[in-house]
Structures are given as structure tokens and as C-alpha cells.
Amino acid sequence: MTKGLWLVTTTVTNPAFAEYVEAFQPWVESVGGSVIAKDMKAETVEGKGGKLGVIIEFPSKQAAVDAFNSSEYQELSKLRWANSTDTNITIIDGGVTH
């Protein structure tokens, strides 16, 4: 089974974003996810995106979707929304199929 990925970009607007990060890390691990890449100075070269880029890996695409839709994450995301702008989250299948 291929992994599922969250591709995230956002722009942090408030130092209180750290509260989201502190709560996010144990939550994502509890649902089988892990942060595999993070860049505080990401460069969006096409389209709209934020300065923080993150890739989060889950056991499957369905696990990634379920994690996003969970009531726990929806509550946690309120901290992100309050302290960031320009957020994009895309969930993809981590496998390569052509």
C-alpha cells in the first residue's frame, strides 16, 4: 500500500502559531503520521502558497483523508487558522503511477 501525503503551505502571521505546532506533533504521531519535510522559507514558483512548506506522511491516502477530517484535527486547525494565512493543504497518494 502506498503512503498518503499532506502537501501544506501557509504563511505564519503570529508567534502563537507555535501553540499549533506543539499540539500538532503529538496528534499527528497518534494517527500514524510523521512530518518528513519542512521549510520555513518555501518558494512558491507558480500559484498561491505560503512561506512555510510541510510534507506529512501517513500510512495511506485514506489515513491522510481520515486524519484531516477527524474532529480532533478540525478542532486543532482552529489554532492554525487564527495564526496563519494563505494555507493550502493537498492530500495525495504517495505512489508514482503513470
PDB file of N, CA and C in Angstrom:
ATOM      1  N   MET A   1       0.839  -1.173   0.000  1.00  0.00           N
ATOM      2  CA  MET A   1       0.000   0.000   0.000  1.00  0.00           C
ATOM      3  C   MET A   1       0.895   1.250   0.000  1.00  0.00           C
ATOM      4  N   THR A   2       0.541   2.207  -0.824  1.00  0.00           N
ATOM      5  CA  THR A   2       1.327   3.433  -0.881  1.00  0.00           C
ATOM      6  C   THR A   2       0.930   4.386   0.239  1.00  0.00           C
ATOM      7  N   LYS A   3       1.847   5.234   0.562  1.00  0.00           N
ATOM      8  CA  LYS A   3       1.629   6.233   1.613  1.00  0.00           C
ATOM      9  C   LYS A   3       0.699   7.333   1.109  1.00  0.00           C
ATOM     10  N   GLY A   4       0.102   8.034   2.041  1.00  0.00           N
ATOM     11  CA  GLY A   4      -0.658   9.235   1.733  1.00  0.00           C
ATOM     12  C   GLY A   4       0.131  10.429   2.225  1.00  0.00           C
ATOM     13  N   LEU A   5       0.022  11.546   1.535  1.00  0.00           N
ATOM     14  CA  LEU A   5       0.781  12.740   1.902  1.00  0.00           C
ATOM     15  C   LEU A   5      -0.124  13.952   1.992  1.00  0.00           C
ATOM     16  N   TRP A   6       0.151  14.795   2.973  1.00  0.00           N
ATOM     17  CA  TRP A   6      -0.390  16.145   3.002  1.00  0.00           C
ATOM     18  C   TRP A   6       0.706  17.046   2.462  1.00  0.00           C
ATOM     19  N   LEU A   7       0.401  17.839   1.467  1.00  0.00           N
ATOM     20  CA  LEU A   7       1.303  18.879   0.988  1.00  0.00           C
ATOM     21  C   LEU A   7       0.717  20.188   1.505  1.00  0.00           C
ATOM     22  N   VAL A   8       1.441  20.860   2.378  1.00  0.00           N
ATOM     23  CA  VAL A   8       0.912  22.027   3.073  1.00  0.00           C
ATOM     24  C   VAL A   8       1.789  23.243   2.807  1.00  0.00           C
ATOM     25  N   THR A   9       1.148  24.374   2.501  1.00  0.00           N
ATOM     26  CA  THR A   9       1.829  25.665   2.510  1.00  0.00           C
ATOM     27  C   THR A   9       0.973  26.628   3.303  1.00  0.00           C
ATOM     28  N   THR A  10       1.631  27.497   4.046  1.00  0.00           N
ATOM     29  CA  THR A  10       0.930  28.506   4.835  1.00  0.00           C
ATOM     30  C   THR A  10       1.906  29.620   5.167  1.00  0.00           C
ATOM     31  N   THR A  11       1.387  30.764   5.534  1.00  0.00           N
ATOM     32  CA  THR A  11       2.219  31.866   5.997  1.00  0.00           C
ATOM     33  C   THR A  11       1.869  32.133   7.451  1.00  0.00           C
ATOM     34  N   VAL A  12       2.852  32.007   8.316  1.00  0.00           N
ATOM     35  CA  VAL A  12       2.661  32.245   9.743  1.00  0.00           C
ATOM     36  C   VAL A  12       2.535  33.754   9.964  1.00  0.00           C
ATOM     37  N   THR A  13       1.492  34.157  10.670  1.00  0.00           N
ATOM     38  CA  THR A  13       1.239  35.583  10.896  1.00  0.00           C
ATOM     39  C   THR A  13       1.360  35.992  12.355  1.00  0.00           C
ATOM     40  N   ASN A  14       1.513  35.019  13.241  1.00  0.00           N
ATOM     41  CA  ASN A  14       1.505  35.314  14.664  1.00  0.00           C
ATOM     42  C   ASN A  14       2.389  34.296  15.383  1.00  0.00           C
ATOM     43  N   PRO A  15       3.209  34.733  16.343  1.00  0.00           N
ATOM     44  CA  PRO A  15       4.040  33.781  17.097  1.00  0.00           C
ATOM     45  C   PRO A  15       3.233  32.700  17.815  1.00  0.00           C
ATOM     46  N   ALA A  16       1.949  32.952  18.053  1.00  0.00           N
ATOM     47  CA  ALA A  16       1.108  31.945  18.701  1.00  0.00           C
ATOM     48  C   ALA A  16       0.924  30.700  17.826  1.00  0.00           C
ATOM     49  N   PHE A  17       1.372  30.745  16.564  1.00  0.00           N
ATOM     50  CA  PHE A  17       1.356  29.564  15.695  1.00  0.00           C
ATOM     51  C   PHE A  17       2.124  28.422  16.361  1.00  0.00           C
ATOM     52  N   ALA A  18       3.080  28.771  17.217  1.00  0.00           N
ATOM     53  CA  ALA A  18       3.865  27.754  17.930  1.00  0.00           C
ATOM     54  C   ALA A  18       2.965  26.833  18.761  1.00  0.00           C
ATOM     55  N   GLU A  19       1.853  27.362  19.260  1.00  0.00           N
ATOM     56  CA  GLU A  19       0.910  26.529  20.011  1.00  0.00           C
ATOM     57  C   GLU A  19       0.333  25.438  19.121  1.00  0.00           C
ATOM     58  N   TYR A  20       0.043  25.793  17.873  1.00  0.00           N
ATOM     59  CA  TYR A  20      -0.460  24.808  16.911  1.00  0.00           C
ATOM     60  C   TYR A  20       0.598  23.726  16.670  1.00  0.00           C
ATOM     61  N   VAL A  21       1.835  24.145  16.440  1.00  0.00           N
ATOM     62  CA  VAL A  21       2.914  23.195  16.169  1.00  0.00           C
ATOM     63  C   VAL A  21       3.098  22.247  17.354  1.00  0.00           C
ATOM     64  N   GLU A  22       3.092  22.790  18.568  1.00  0.00           N
ATOM     65  CA  GLU A  22       3.267  21.971  19.764  1.00  0.00           C
ATOM     66  C   GLU A  22       2.157  20.938  19.916  1.00  0.00           C
ATOM     67  N   ALA A  23       0.941  21.299  19.587  1.00  0.00           N
ATOM     68  CA  ALA A  23      -0.181  20.367  19.685  1.00  0.00           C
ATOM     69  C   ALA A  23      -0.233  19.416  18.497  1.00  0.00           C
ATOM     70  N   PHE A  24       0.203  19.902  17.322  1.00  0.00           N
ATOM     71  CA  PHE A  24       0.133  19.108  16.101  1.00  0.00           C
ATOM     72  C   PHE A  24       1.050  17.896  16.155  1.00  0.00           C
ATOM     73  N   GLN A  25       2.270  18.074  16.620  1.00  0.00           N
ATOM     74  CA  GLN A  25       3.254  16.987  16.577  1.00  0.00           C
ATOM     75  C   GLN A  25       2.771  15.724  17.286  1.00  0.00           C
ATOM     76  N   PRO A  26       2.336  15.791  18.537  1.00  0.00           N
ATOM     77  CA  PRO A  26       1.854  14.551  19.168  1.00  0.00           C
ATOM     78  C   PRO A  26       0.569  14.021  18.525  1.00  0.00           C
ATOM     79  N   TRP A  27      -0.286  14.926  18.054  1.00  0.00           N
ATOM     80  CA  TRP A  27      -1.514  14.469  17.405  1.00  0.00           C
ATOM     81  C   TRP A  27      -1.187  13.684  16.140  1.00  0.00           C
ATOM     82  N   VAL A  28      -0.336  14.240  15.277  1.00  0.00           N
ATOM     83  CA  VAL A  28      -0.047  13.566  14.009  1.00  0.00           C
ATOM     84  C   VAL A  28       0.600  12.202  14.260  1.00  0.00           C
ATOM     85  N   GLU A  29       1.466  12.107  15.242  1.00  0.00           N
ATOM     86  CA  GLU A  29       2.070  10.814  15.571  1.00  0.00           C
ATOM     87  C   GLU A  29       1.017   9.829  16.072  1.00  0.00           C
ATOM     88  N   SER A  30       0.019  10.327  16.805  1.00  0.00           N
ATOM     89  CA  SER A  30      -1.027   9.442  17.344  1.00  0.00           C
ATOM     90  C   SER A  30      -1.901   8.837  16.253  1.00  0.00           C
ATOM     91  N   VAL A  31      -1.950   9.475  15.079  1.00  0.00           N
ATOM     92  CA  VAL A  31      -2.747   8.940  13.969  1.00  0.00           C
ATOM     93  C   VAL A  31      -1.869   8.275  12.910  1.00  0.00           C
ATOM     94  N   GLY A  32      -0.607   8.009  13.254  1.00  0.00           N
ATOM     95  CA  GLY A  32       0.285   7.277  12.357  1.00  0.00           C
ATOM     96  C   GLY A  32       1.010   8.141  11.348  1.00  0.00           C
ATOM     97  N   GLY A  33       0.961   9.457  11.505  1.00  0.00           N
ATOM     98  CA  GLY A  33       1.619  10.353  10.562  1.00  0.00           C
ATOM     99  C   GLY A  33       2.977  10.812  11.056  1.00  0.00           C
ATOM    100  N   SER A  34       3.750  11.386  10.139  1.00  0.00           N
ATOM    101  CA  SER A  34       5.035  11.971  10.510  1.00  0.00           C
ATOM    102  C   SER A  34       5.401  13.083   9.533  1.00  0.00           C
ATOM    103  N   VAL A  35       6.015  14.115  10.060  1.00  0.00           N
ATOM    104  CA  VAL A  35       6.494  15.212   9.228  1.00  0.00           C
ATOM    105  C   VAL A  35       7.793  14.748   8.576  1.00  0.00           C
ATOM    106  N   ILE A  36       7.830  14.744   7.235  1.00  0.00           N
ATOM    107  CA  ILE A  36       9.029  14.272   6.550  1.00  0.00           C
ATOM    108  C   ILE A  36       9.822  15.401   5.896  1.00  0.00           C
ATOM    109  N   ALA A  37       9.233  16.592   5.793  1.00  0.00           N
ATOM    110  CA  ALA A  37       9.947  17.746   5.251  1.00  0.00           C
ATOM    111  C   ALA A  37       9.292  19.020   5.747  1.00  0.00           C
ATOM    112  N   LYS A  38      10.122  20.031   6.037  1.00  0.00           N
ATOM    113  CA  LYS A  38       9.598  21.327   6.481  1.00  0.00           C
ATOM    114  C   LYS A  38      10.586  22.399   6.053  1.00  0.00           C
ATOM    115  N   ASP A  39      10.056  23.489   5.501  1.00  0.00           N
ATOM    116  CA  ASP A  39      10.885  24.603   5.062  1.00  0.00           C
ATOM    117  C   ASP A  39      10.190  25.895   5.449  1.00  0.00           C
ATOM    118  N   MET A  40      10.825  26.693   6.294  1.00  0.00           N
ATOM    119  CA  MET A  40      10.245  27.960   6.759  1.00  0.00           C
ATOM    120  C   MET A  40      10.349  29.065   5.713  1.00  0.00           C
ATOM    121  N   LYS A  41      11.102  28.814   4.634  1.00  0.00           N
ATOM    122  CA  LYS A  41      11.265  29.809   3.573  1.00  0.00           C
ATOM    123  C   LYS A  41      10.974  29.189   2.211  1.00  0.00           C
ATOM    124  N   ALA A  42       9.866  28.466   2.143  1.00  0.00           N
ATOM    125  CA  ALA A  42       9.482  27.812   0.890  1.00  0.00           C
ATOM    126  C   ALA A  42       9.230  28.867  -0.186  1.00  0.00           C
ATOM    127  N   GLU A  43       9.523  28.516  -1.410  1.00  0.00           N
ATOM    128  CA  GLU A  43       9.316  29.430  -2.537  1.00  0.00           C
ATOM    129  C   GLU A  43       8.232  28.871  -3.450  1.00  0.00           C
ATOM    130  N   THR A  44       7.101  29.527  -3.484  1.00  0.00           N
ATOM    131  CA  THR A  44       6.045  29.144  -4.407  1.00  0.00           C
ATOM    132  C   THR A  44       6.392  29.752  -5.755  1.00  0.00           C
ATOM    133  N   VAL A  45       6.637  28.920  -6.739  1.00  0.00           N
ATOM    134  CA  VAL A  45       7.062  29.417  -8.053  1.00  0.00           C
ATOM    135  C   VAL A  45       5.908  29.498  -9.041  1.00  0.00           C
ATOM    136  N   GLU A  46       4.773  28.927  -8.672  1.00  0.00           N
ATOM    137  CA  GLU A  46       3.577  29.048  -9.504  1.00  0.00           C
ATOM    138  C   GLU A  46       2.368  28.901  -8.601  1.00  0.00           C
ATOM    139  N   GLY A  47       1.377  29.734  -8.794  1.00  0.00           N
ATOM    140  CA  GLY A  47       0.179  29.673  -7.975  1.00  0.00           C
ATOM    141  C   GLY A  47       0.351  30.447  -6.679  1.00  0.00           C
ATOM    142  N   LYS A  48      -0.561  30.197  -5.747  1.00  0.00           N
ATOM    143  CA  LYS A  48      -0.544  30.885  -4.462  1.00  0.00           C
ATOM    144  C   LYS A  48      -0.140  29.906  -3.378  1.00  0.00           C
ATOM    145  N   GLY A  49       0.695  30.348  -2.492  1.00  0.00           N
ATOM    146  CA  GLY A  49       1.136  29.494  -1.401  1.00  0.00           C
ATOM    147  C   GLY A  49       1.794  30.327  -0.333  1.00  0.00           C
ATOM    148  N   GLY A  50       2.069  29.714   0.790  1.00  0.00           N
ATOM    149  CA  GLY A  50       2.675  30.420   1.903  1.00  0.00           C
ATOM    150  C   GLY A  50       4.170  30.211   1.978  1.00  0.00           C
ATOM    151  N   LYS A  51       4.773  30.801   2.986  1.00  0.00           N
ATOM    152  CA  LYS A  51       6.221  30.735   3.190  1.00  0.00           C
ATOM    153  C   LYS A  51       6.660  29.476   3.928  1.00  0.00           C
ATOM    154  N   LEU A  52       5.742  28.849   4.660  1.00  0.00           N
ATOM    155  CA  LEU A  52       6.055  27.603   5.354  1.00  0.00           C
ATOM    156  C   LEU A  52       5.542  26.453   4.501  1.00  0.00           C
ATOM    157  N   GLY A  53       6.424  25.543   4.137  1.00  0.00           N
ATOM    158  CA  GLY A  53       6.045  24.359   3.377  1.00  0.00           C
ATOM    159  C   GLY A  53       6.307  23.116   4.209  1.00  0.00           C
ATOM    160  N   VAL A  54       5.342  22.203   4.241  1.00  0.00           N
ATOM    161  CA  VAL A  54       5.466  20.990   5.045  1.00  0.00           C
ATOM    162  C   VAL A  54       4.916  19.813   4.254  1.00  0.00           C
ATOM    163  N   ILE A  55       5.590  18.668   4.356  1.00  0.00           N
ATOM    164  CA  ILE A  55       5.071  17.415   3.809  1.00  0.00           C
ATOM    165  C   ILE A  55       4.907  16.454   4.976  1.00  0.00           C
ATOM    166  N   ILE A  56       3.702  15.908   5.106  1.00  0.00           N
ATOM    167  CA  ILE A  56       3.384  14.994   6.191  1.00  0.00           C
ATOM    168  C   ILE A  56       2.957  13.672   5.579  1.00  0.00           C
ATOM    169  N   GLU A  57       3.566  12.591   6.047  1.00  0.00           N
ATOM    170  CA  GLU A  57       3.317  11.259   5.505  1.00  0.00           C
ATOM    171  C   GLU A  57       2.400  10.472   6.439  1.00  0.00           C
ATOM    172  N   PHE A  58       1.469   9.740   5.835  1.00  0.00           N
ATOM    173  CA  PHE A  58       0.547   8.874   6.553  1.00  0.00           C
ATOM    174  C   PHE A  58       0.633   7.468   5.967  1.00  0.00           C
ATOM    175  N   PRO A  59       0.138   6.467   6.683  1.00  0.00           N
ATOM    176  CA  PRO A  59       0.229   5.088   6.185  1.00  0.00           C
ATOM    177  C   PRO A  59      -0.445   4.861   4.829  1.00  0.00           C
ATOM    178  N   SER A  60      -1.480   5.655   4.498  1.00  0.00           N
ATOM    179  CA  SER A  60      -2.192   5.518   3.224  1.00  0.00           C
ATOM    180  C   SER A  60      -2.885   6.842   2.914  1.00  0.00           C
ATOM    181  N   LYS A  61      -3.366   6.981   1.678  1.00  0.00           N
ATOM    182  CA  LYS A  61      -4.120   8.185   1.338  1.00  0.00           C
ATOM    183  C   LYS A  61      -5.385   8.264   2.176  1.00  0.00           C
ATOM    184  N   GLN A  62      -6.058   7.136   2.373  1.00  0.00           N
ATOM    185  CA  GLN A  62      -7.283   7.149   3.179  1.00  0.00           C
ATOM    186  C   GLN A  62      -6.981   7.579   4.612  1.00  0.00           C
ATOM    187  N   ALA A  63      -5.855   7.125   5.161  1.00  0.00           N
ATOM    188  CA  ALA A  63      -5.475   7.551   6.517  1.00  0.00           C
ATOM    189  C   ALA A  63      -5.240   9.060   6.557  1.00  0.00           C
ATOM    190  N   ALA A  64      -4.660   9.614   5.482  1.00  0.00           N
ATOM    191  CA  ALA A  64      -4.421  11.059   5.408  1.00  0.00           C
ATOM    192  C   ALA A  64      -5.744  11.821   5.354  1.00  0.00           C
ATOM    193  N   VAL A  65      -6.693  11.331   4.576  1.00  0.00           N
ATOM    194  CA  VAL A  65      -8.020  11.952   4.477  1.00  0.00           C
ATOM    195  C   VAL A  65      -8.744  11.861   5.821  1.00  0.00           C
ATOM    196  N   ASP A  66      -8.700  10.669   6.413  1.00  0.00           N
ATOM    197  CA  ASP A  66      -9.379  10.470   7.699  1.00  0.00           C
ATOM    198  C   ASP A  66      -8.783  11.368   8.780  1.00  0.00           C
ATOM    199  N   ALA A  67      -7.470  11.516   8.785  1.00  0.00           N
ATOM    200  CA  ALA A  67      -6.808  12.382   9.768  1.00  0.00           C
ATOM    201  C   ALA A  67      -7.287  13.815   9.602  1.00  0.00           C
ATOM    202  N   PHE A  68      -7.321  14.295   8.361  1.00  0.00           N
ATOM    203  CA  PHE A  68      -7.760  15.666   8.114  1.00  0.00           C
ATOM    204  C   PHE A  68      -9.203  15.875   8.558  1.00  0.00           C
ATOM    205  N   ASN A  69     -10.057  14.926   8.266  1.00  0.00           N
ATOM    206  CA  ASN A  69     -11.484  15.047   8.571  1.00  0.00           C
ATOM    207  C   ASN A  69     -11.835  14.763  10.026  1.00  0.00           C
ATOM    208  N   SER A  70     -10.869  14.286  10.801  1.00  0.00           N
ATOM    209  CA  SER A  70     -11.153  13.928  12.193  1.00  0.00           C
ATOM    210  C   SER A  70     -11.566  15.151  13.000  1.00  0.00           C
ATOM    211  N   SER A  71     -12.418  14.934  13.980  1.00  0.00           N
ATOM    212  CA  SER A  71     -12.851  16.043  14.838  1.00  0.00           C
ATOM    213  C   SER A  71     -11.672  16.621  15.605  1.00  0.00           C
ATOM    214  N   GLU A  72     -10.691  15.772  15.944  1.00  0.00           N
ATOM    215  CA  GLU A  72      -9.513  16.262  16.661  1.00  0.00           C
ATOM    216  C   GLU A  72      -8.737  17.260  15.801  1.00  0.00           C
ATOM    217  N   TYR A  73      -8.519  16.913  14.526  1.00  0.00           N
ATOM    218  CA  TYR A  73      -7.765  17.843  13.680  1.00  0.00           C
ATOM    219  C   TYR A  73      -8.582  19.089  13.361  1.00  0.00           C
ATOM    220  N   GLN A  74      -9.856  18.933  13.141  1.00  0.00           N
ATOM    221  CA  GLN A  74     -10.683  20.099  12.839  1.00  0.00           C
ATOM    222  C   GLN A  74     -10.655  21.099  13.998  1.00  0.00           C
ATOM    223  N   GLU A  75     -10.629  20.599  15.219  1.00  0.00           N
ATOM    224  CA  GLU A  75     -10.504  21.484  16.380  1.00  0.00           C
ATOM    225  C   GLU A  75      -9.104  22.102  16.424  1.00  0.00           C
ATOM    226  N   LEU A  76      -8.083  21.294  16.211  1.00  0.00           N
ATOM    227  CA  LEU A  76      -6.695  21.775  16.217  1.00  0.00           C
ATOM    228  C   LEU A  76      -6.455  22.813  15.124  1.00  0.00           C
ATOM    229  N   SER A  77      -7.087  22.640  13.988  1.00  0.00           N
ATOM    230  CA  SER A  77      -6.871  23.553  12.861  1.00  0.00           C
ATOM    231  C   SER A  77      -7.333  24.975  13.161  1.00  0.00           C
ATOM    232  N   LYS A  78      -8.197  25.135  14.152  1.00  0.00           N
ATOM    233  CA  LYS A  78      -8.619  26.483  14.536  1.00  0.00           C
ATOM    234  C   LYS A  78      -7.430  27.321  14.992  1.00  0.00           C
ATOM    235  N   LEU A  79      -6.449  26.697  15.650  1.00  0.00           N
ATOM    236  CA  LEU A  79      -5.218  27.398  16.042  1.00  0.00           C
ATOM    237  C   LEU A  79      -4.421  27.826  14.812  1.00  0.00           C
ATOM    238  N   ARG A  80      -4.373  26.942  13.820  1.00  0.00           N
ATOM    239  CA  ARG A  80      -3.651  27.279  12.587  1.00  0.00           C
ATOM    240  C   ARG A  80      -4.325  28.445  11.890  1.00  0.00           C
ATOM    241  N   TRP A  81      -5.641  28.371  11.732  1.00  0.00           N
ATOM    242  CA  TRP A  81      -6.365  29.436  11.038  1.00  0.00           C
ATOM    243  C   TRP A  81      -6.214  30.779  11.744  1.00  0.00           C
ATOM    244  N   ALA A  82      -6.171  30.766  13.067  1.00  0.00           N
ATOM    245  CA  ALA A  82      -6.075  32.015  13.830  1.00  0.00           C
ATOM    246  C   ALA A  82      -4.696  32.660  13.726  1.00  0.00           C
ATOM    247  N   ASN A  83      -3.694  31.890  13.300  1.00  0.00           N
ATOM    248  CA  ASN A  83      -2.315  32.379  13.345  1.00  0.00           C
ATOM    249  C   ASN A  83      -1.559  32.233  12.029  1.00  0.00           C
ATOM    250  N   SER A  84      -2.301  32.081  10.925  1.00  0.00           N
ATOM    251  CA  SER A  84      -1.658  31.948   9.616  1.00  0.00           C
ATOM    252  C   SER A  84      -2.633  32.374   8.518  1.00  0.00           C
ATOM    253  N   THR A  85      -2.085  32.584   7.317  1.00  0.00           N
ATOM    254  CA  THR A  85      -2.894  32.901   6.140  1.00  0.00           C
ATOM    255  C   THR A  85      -2.358  32.108   4.955  1.00  0.00           C
ATOM    256  N   ASP A  86      -3.054  32.211   3.844  1.00  0.00           N
ATOM    257  CA  ASP A  86      -2.606  31.597   2.586  1.00  0.00           C
ATOM    258  C   ASP A  86      -2.385  30.091   2.702  1.00  0.00           C
ATOM    259  N   THR A  87      -3.186  29.418   3.519  1.00  0.00           N
ATOM    260  CA  THR A  87      -2.995  27.984   3.734  1.00  0.00           C
ATOM    261  C   THR A  87      -3.578  27.177   2.588  1.00  0.00           C
ATOM    262  N   ASN A  88      -2.792  26.227   2.116  1.00  0.00           N
ATOM    263  CA  ASN A  88      -3.237  25.234   1.139  1.00  0.00           C
ATOM    264  C   ASN A  88      -2.842  23.869   1.679  1.00  0.00           C
ATOM    265  N   ILE A  89      -3.781  22.930   1.693  1.00  0.00           N
ATOM    266  CA  ILE A  89      -3.490  21.554   2.064  1.00  0.00           C
ATOM    267  C   ILE A  89      -4.012  20.666   0.942  1.00  0.00           C
ATOM    268  N   THR A  90      -3.126  19.912   0.349  1.00  0.00           N
ATOM    269  CA  THR A  90      -3.493  18.981  -0.711  1.00  0.00           C
ATOM    270  C   THR A  90      -3.129  17.582  -0.239  1.00  0.00           C
ATOM    271  N   ILE A  91      -4.048  16.644  -0.377  1.00  0.00           N
ATOM    272  CA  ILE A  91      -3.791  15.257   0.019  1.00  0.00           C
ATOM    273  C   ILE A  91      -3.604  14.437  -1.246  1.00  0.00           C
ATOM    274  N   ILE A  92      -2.459  13.751  -1.305  1.00  0.00           N
ATOM    275  CA  ILE A  92      -2.158  12.952  -2.494  1.00  0.00           C
ATOM    276  C   ILE A  92      -1.740  11.536  -2.111  1.00  0.00           C
ATOM    277  N   ASP A  93      -1.824  10.646  -3.075  1.00  0.00           N
ATOM    278  CA  ASP A  93      -1.309   9.298  -2.975  1.00  0.00           C
ATOM    279  C   ASP A  93       0.198   9.393  -3.182  1.00  0.00           C
ATOM    280  N   GLY A  94       0.964   8.798  -2.274  1.00  0.00           N
ATOM    281  CA  GLY A  94       2.419   8.890  -2.357  1.00  0.00           C
ATOM    282  C   GLY A  94       3.053   7.982  -3.387  1.00  0.00           C
ATOM    283  N   GLY A  95       2.275   7.156  -4.050  1.00  0.00           N
ATOM    284  CA  GLY A  95       2.820   6.284  -5.077  1.00  0.00           C
ATOM    285  C   GLY A  95       2.979   7.013  -6.399  1.00  0.00           C
ATOM    286  N   VAL A  96       3.849   6.486  -7.223  1.00  0.00           N
ATOM    287  CA  VAL A  96       4.038   7.066  -8.556  1.00  0.00           C
ATOM    288  C   VAL A  96       3.369   6.143  -9.568  1.00  0.00           C
ATOM    289  N   THR A  97       2.317   6.666 -10.210  1.00  0.00           N
ATOM    290  CA  THR A  97       1.644   5.887 -11.256  1.00  0.00           C
ATOM    291  C   THR A  97       1.535   6.753 -12.496  1.00  0.00           C
ATOM    292  N   HIS A  98       1.858   6.199 -13.606  1.00  0.00           N
ATOM    293  CA  HIS A  98       1.805   6.945 -14.876  1.00  0.00           C
ATOM    294  C   HIS A  98       0.850   6.261 -15.805  1.00  0.00           C
TER     295      HIS A  98
END
